[in-house]
Amino acid sequence: MQEAVDYFGATDDMAVAKLSVTADSMIKSAFKDVEMISTPVGEEITSVKIVNEQQTMAINGEPAYEVWLTRAIIFEVGGREISFEKDTIPFSEEITIQRGYDLIDKISGNDDFLEAWDEEYSPAYKREVVVVK
């Protein structure tokens, strides 16, 4: 589920994503002509990795912007992993789902946040991973 939030005074530019139980008929893609494939897991979750990111921006050396967001959630299930990763574009509501192994190594870099700023802007980000077993 994604809920629009007021973020710096611009409602609908950002959203908060939540995972919750729902009926199959309520699971839909925001994109047209997308084939949705049901893949039941049928296994117990043995750990969860939460990848948090802090983005900061300084203008002429003065802190001007700081935001914390969850970049990805990775579930370990039956020896494999399933990840839900938020797009690196701040206003995008796209979430990429992957399955496999060592998915923490496949989380997108956030270099696009660091690029294409004027000289007076100094962007930075750092990540932390919280593991729940």
C-alpha atoms as a PDB file:
ATOM      1  CA  MET A   1       0.000   0.000   0.000  1.00  0.00           C
ATOM      2  CA  GLN A   2       1.222   3.509  -0.714  1.00  0.00           C
ATOM      3  CA  GLU A   3      -0.212   6.604   0.916  1.00  0.00           C
ATOM      4  CA  ALA A   4       0.518  10.100  -0.384  1.00  0.00           C
ATOM      5  CA  VAL A   5       1.988  12.456   2.208  1.00  0.00           C
ATOM      6  CA  ASP A   6       2.567  16.192   2.455  1.00  0.00           C
ATOM      7  CA  TYR A   7       6.316  16.546   1.995  1.00  0.00           C
ATOM      8  CA  PHE A   8       7.772  20.047   2.024  1.00  0.00           C
ATOM      9  CA  GLY A   9       4.292  21.382   1.234  1.00  0.00           C
ATOM     10  CA  ALA A  10       3.784  19.321  -1.929  1.00  0.00           C
ATOM     11  CA  THR A  11       1.066  16.743  -1.341  1.00  0.00           C
ATOM     12  CA  ASP A  12       1.295  13.650  -3.575  1.00  0.00           C
ATOM     13  CA  ASP A  13       4.963  14.204  -4.436  1.00  0.00           C
ATOM     14  CA  MET A  14       5.976  11.599  -1.837  1.00  0.00           C
ATOM     15  CA  ALA A  15       4.364   8.488  -0.457  1.00  0.00           C
ATOM     16  CA  VAL A  16       4.785   6.139   2.464  1.00  0.00           C
ATOM     17  CA  ALA A  17       4.763   2.460   1.524  1.00  0.00           C
ATOM     18  CA  LYS A  18       3.402  -0.173   3.898  1.00  0.00           C
ATOM     19  CA  LEU A  19       3.281  -3.943   3.646  1.00  0.00           C
ATOM     20  CA  SER A  20      -0.010  -5.442   4.803  1.00  0.00           C
ATOM     21  CA  VAL A  21      -2.241  -8.454   4.341  1.00  0.00           C
ATOM     22  CA  THR A  22      -4.771  -7.983   1.540  1.00  0.00           C
ATOM     23  CA  ALA A  23      -6.995  -9.892  -0.845  1.00  0.00           C
ATOM     24  CA  ASP A  24      -5.401 -11.010  -4.116  1.00  0.00           C
ATOM     25  CA  SER A  25      -7.904  -8.889  -6.066  1.00  0.00           C
ATOM     26  CA  MET A  26      -6.513  -5.737  -4.414  1.00  0.00           C
ATOM     27  CA  ILE A  27      -2.952  -6.279  -5.696  1.00  0.00           C
ATOM     28  CA  LYS A  28      -2.565  -4.218  -8.867  1.00  0.00           C
ATOM     29  CA  SER A  29       0.193  -2.591 -10.842  1.00  0.00           C
ATOM     30  CA  ALA A  30       0.203   1.151 -11.423  1.00  0.00           C
ATOM     31  CA  PHE A  31       1.484   0.425 -14.921  1.00  0.00           C
ATOM     32  CA  LYS A  32      -0.729  -0.627 -17.843  1.00  0.00           C
ATOM     33  CA  ASP A  33      -0.336  -3.965 -19.608  1.00  0.00           C
ATOM     34  CA  VAL A  34       1.780  -5.546 -16.856  1.00  0.00           C
ATOM     35  CA  GLU A  35       1.620  -9.274 -16.303  1.00  0.00           C
ATOM     36  CA  MET A  36       1.357  -9.983 -12.581  1.00  0.00           C
ATOM     37  CA  ILE A  37       2.594 -13.415 -11.511  1.00  0.00           C
ATOM     38  CA  SER A  38       1.455 -15.013  -8.252  1.00  0.00           C
ATOM     39  CA  THR A  39       4.366 -16.706  -6.489  1.00  0.00           C
ATOM     40  CA  PRO A  40       3.310 -18.152  -3.122  1.00  0.00           C
ATOM     41  CA  VAL A  41       6.271 -18.564  -0.789  1.00  0.00           C
ATOM     42  CA  GLY A  42       4.923 -21.088   1.710  1.00  0.00           C
ATOM     43  CA  GLU A  43       7.961 -20.783   4.024  1.00  0.00           C
ATOM     44  CA  GLU A  44       8.748 -19.169   7.365  1.00  0.00           C
ATOM     45  CA  ILE A  45      10.548 -15.814   7.416  1.00  0.00           C
ATOM     46  CA  THR A  46      13.876 -16.404   9.200  1.00  0.00           C
ATOM     47  CA  SER A  47      15.227 -12.821   9.084  1.00  0.00           C
ATOM     48  CA  VAL A  48      14.434  -9.357   7.792  1.00  0.00           C
ATOM     49  CA  LYS A  49      17.009  -6.776   6.653  1.00  0.00           C
ATOM     50  CA  ILE A  50      15.886  -3.162   6.625  1.00  0.00           C
ATOM     51  CA  VAL A  51      18.085  -0.855   4.544  1.00  0.00           C
ATOM     52  CA  ASN A  52      17.700   2.720   5.811  1.00  0.00           C
ATOM     53  CA  GLU A  53      19.184   5.725   4.072  1.00  0.00           C
ATOM     54  CA  GLN A  54      19.933   9.240   5.270  1.00  0.00           C
ATOM     55  CA  GLN A  55      20.102  11.907   2.565  1.00  0.00           C
ATOM     56  CA  THR A  56      21.508  15.332   3.367  1.00  0.00           C
ATOM     57  CA  MET A  57      22.076  18.498   1.400  1.00  0.00           C
ATOM     58  CA  ALA A  58      24.196  21.493   2.312  1.00  0.00           C
ATOM     59  CA  ILE A  59      23.965  24.777   0.447  1.00  0.00           C
ATOM     60  CA  ASN A  60      27.145  26.856   0.587  1.00  0.00           C
ATOM     61  CA  GLY A  61      28.309  24.654   3.470  1.00  0.00           C
ATOM     62  CA  GLU A  62      25.145  25.167   5.559  1.00  0.00           C
ATOM     63  CA  PRO A  63      22.905  22.135   6.262  1.00  0.00           C
ATOM     64  CA  ALA A  64      19.623  22.666   4.396  1.00  0.00           C
ATOM     65  CA  TYR A  65      17.973  19.285   3.953  1.00  0.00           C
ATOM     66  CA  GLU A  66      17.902  15.937   5.715  1.00  0.00           C
ATOM     67  CA  VAL A  67      15.606  13.001   5.161  1.00  0.00           C
ATOM     68  CA  TRP A  68      15.594   9.395   6.344  1.00  0.00           C
ATOM     69  CA  LEU A  69      13.943   6.756   4.213  1.00  0.00           C
ATOM     70  CA  THR A  70      13.794   3.004   3.980  1.00  0.00           C
ATOM     71  CA  ARG A  71      15.467   2.057   0.694  1.00  0.00           C
ATOM     72  CA  ALA A  72      14.687  -1.678   0.881  1.00  0.00           C
ATOM     73  CA  ILE A  73      13.286  -4.504   2.959  1.00  0.00           C
ATOM     74  CA  ILE A  74      14.762  -7.964   2.410  1.00  0.00           C
ATOM     75  CA  PHE A  75      13.069 -11.089   3.755  1.00  0.00           C
ATOM     76  CA  GLU A  76      15.024 -14.327   4.148  1.00  0.00           C
ATOM     77  CA  VAL A  77      12.597 -17.152   3.452  1.00  0.00           C
ATOM     78  CA  GLY A  78      13.467 -20.828   3.070  1.00  0.00           C
ATOM     79  CA  GLY A  79      17.165 -20.113   2.430  1.00  0.00           C
ATOM     80  CA  ARG A  80      16.411 -17.538  -0.304  1.00  0.00           C
ATOM     81  CA  GLU A  81      15.653 -13.837  -0.180  1.00  0.00           C
ATOM     82  CA  ILE A  82      12.855 -11.584  -1.428  1.00  0.00           C
ATOM     83  CA  SER A  83      13.545  -7.845  -1.591  1.00  0.00           C
ATOM     84  CA  PHE A  84      11.260  -4.844  -1.938  1.00  0.00           C
ATOM     85  CA  GLU A  85      13.308  -1.838  -3.030  1.00  0.00           C
ATOM     86  CA  LYS A  86      12.078   1.744  -3.401  1.00  0.00           C
ATOM     87  CA  ASP A  87      13.182   3.544  -6.559  1.00  0.00           C
ATOM     88  CA  THR A  88      16.084   5.974  -5.999  1.00  0.00           C
ATOM     89  CA  ILE A  89      14.136   8.874  -7.555  1.00  0.00           C
ATOM     90  CA  PRO A  90      12.648  10.680  -4.508  1.00  0.00           C
ATOM     91  CA  PHE A  91       9.163  11.280  -5.948  1.00  0.00           C
ATOM     92  CA  SER A  92       8.855   7.844  -7.571  1.00  0.00           C
ATOM     93  CA  GLU A  93       6.464   5.350  -6.009  1.00  0.00           C
ATOM     94  CA  GLU A  94       7.972   2.443  -7.943  1.00  0.00           C
ATOM     95  CA  ILE A  95       9.055  -0.579  -5.923  1.00  0.00           C
ATOM     96  CA  THR A  96      11.226  -3.291  -7.457  1.00  0.00           C
ATOM     97  CA  ILE A  97      10.742  -6.840  -6.201  1.00  0.00           C
ATOM     98  CA  GLN A  98      13.561  -9.371  -6.583  1.00  0.00           C
ATOM     99  CA  ARG A  99      14.182 -12.869  -5.362  1.00  0.00           C
ATOM    100  CA  GLY A 100      17.441 -14.743  -5.085  1.00  0.00           C
ATOM    101  CA  TYR A 101      20.539 -14.706  -2.899  1.00  0.00           C
ATOM    102  CA  ASP A 102      22.672 -11.930  -1.392  1.00  0.00           C
ATOM    103  CA  LEU A 103      20.168  -9.282  -2.476  1.00  0.00           C
ATOM    104  CA  ILE A 104      21.752  -6.720  -0.142  1.00  0.00           C
ATOM    105  CA  ASP A 105      24.550  -6.561  -2.741  1.00  0.00           C
ATOM    106  CA  LYS A 106      22.012  -5.796  -5.474  1.00  0.00           C
ATOM    107  CA  ILE A 107      20.413  -2.754  -3.835  1.00  0.00           C
ATOM    108  CA  SER A 108      20.770   0.208  -6.177  1.00  0.00           C
ATOM    109  CA  GLY A 109      23.412   2.801  -5.505  1.00  0.00           C
ATOM    110  CA  ASN A 110      22.123   6.310  -5.022  1.00  0.00           C
ATOM    111  CA  ASP A 111      24.659   8.037  -7.241  1.00  0.00           C
ATOM    112  CA  ASP A 112      21.887   9.844  -9.146  1.00  0.00           C
ATOM    113  CA  PHE A 113      21.164  11.766  -5.918  1.00  0.00           C
ATOM    114  CA  LEU A 114      24.800  12.899  -5.855  1.00  0.00           C
ATOM    115  CA  GLU A 115      24.966  14.031  -9.501  1.00  0.00           C
ATOM    116  CA  ALA A 116      23.946  17.140 -11.454  1.00  0.00           C
ATOM    117  CA  TRP A 117      23.932  19.721  -8.650  1.00  0.00           C
ATOM    118  CA  ASP A 118      25.272  23.250  -8.938  1.00  0.00           C
ATOM    119  CA  GLU A 119      28.561  24.000  -7.202  1.00  0.00           C
ATOM    120  CA  GLU A 120      26.985  25.482  -4.042  1.00  0.00           C
ATOM    121  CA  TYR A 121      25.066  22.245  -3.320  1.00  0.00           C
ATOM    122  CA  SER A 122      26.749  19.397  -1.440  1.00  0.00           C
ATOM    123  CA  PRO A 123      24.644  16.219  -1.417  1.00  0.00           C
ATOM    124  CA  ALA A 124      25.553  13.179   0.676  1.00  0.00           C
ATOM    125  CA  TYR A 125      23.946   9.943   1.756  1.00  0.00           C
ATOM    126  CA  LYS A 126      24.741   7.048   4.010  1.00  0.00           C
ATOM    127  CA  ARG A 127      23.066   3.723   4.644  1.00  0.00           C
ATOM    128  CA  GLU A 128      22.560   1.463   7.582  1.00  0.00           C
ATOM    129  CA  VAL A 129      21.216  -2.068   7.650  1.00  0.00           C
ATOM    130  CA  VAL A 130      19.092  -3.288  10.546  1.00  0.00           C
ATOM    131  CA  VAL A 131      18.751  -7.085  10.785  1.00  0.00           C
ATOM    132  CA  VAL A 132      15.817  -8.616  12.661  1.00  0.00           C
ATOM    133  CA  LYS A 133      15.920 -12.371  13.344  1.00  0.00           C
END
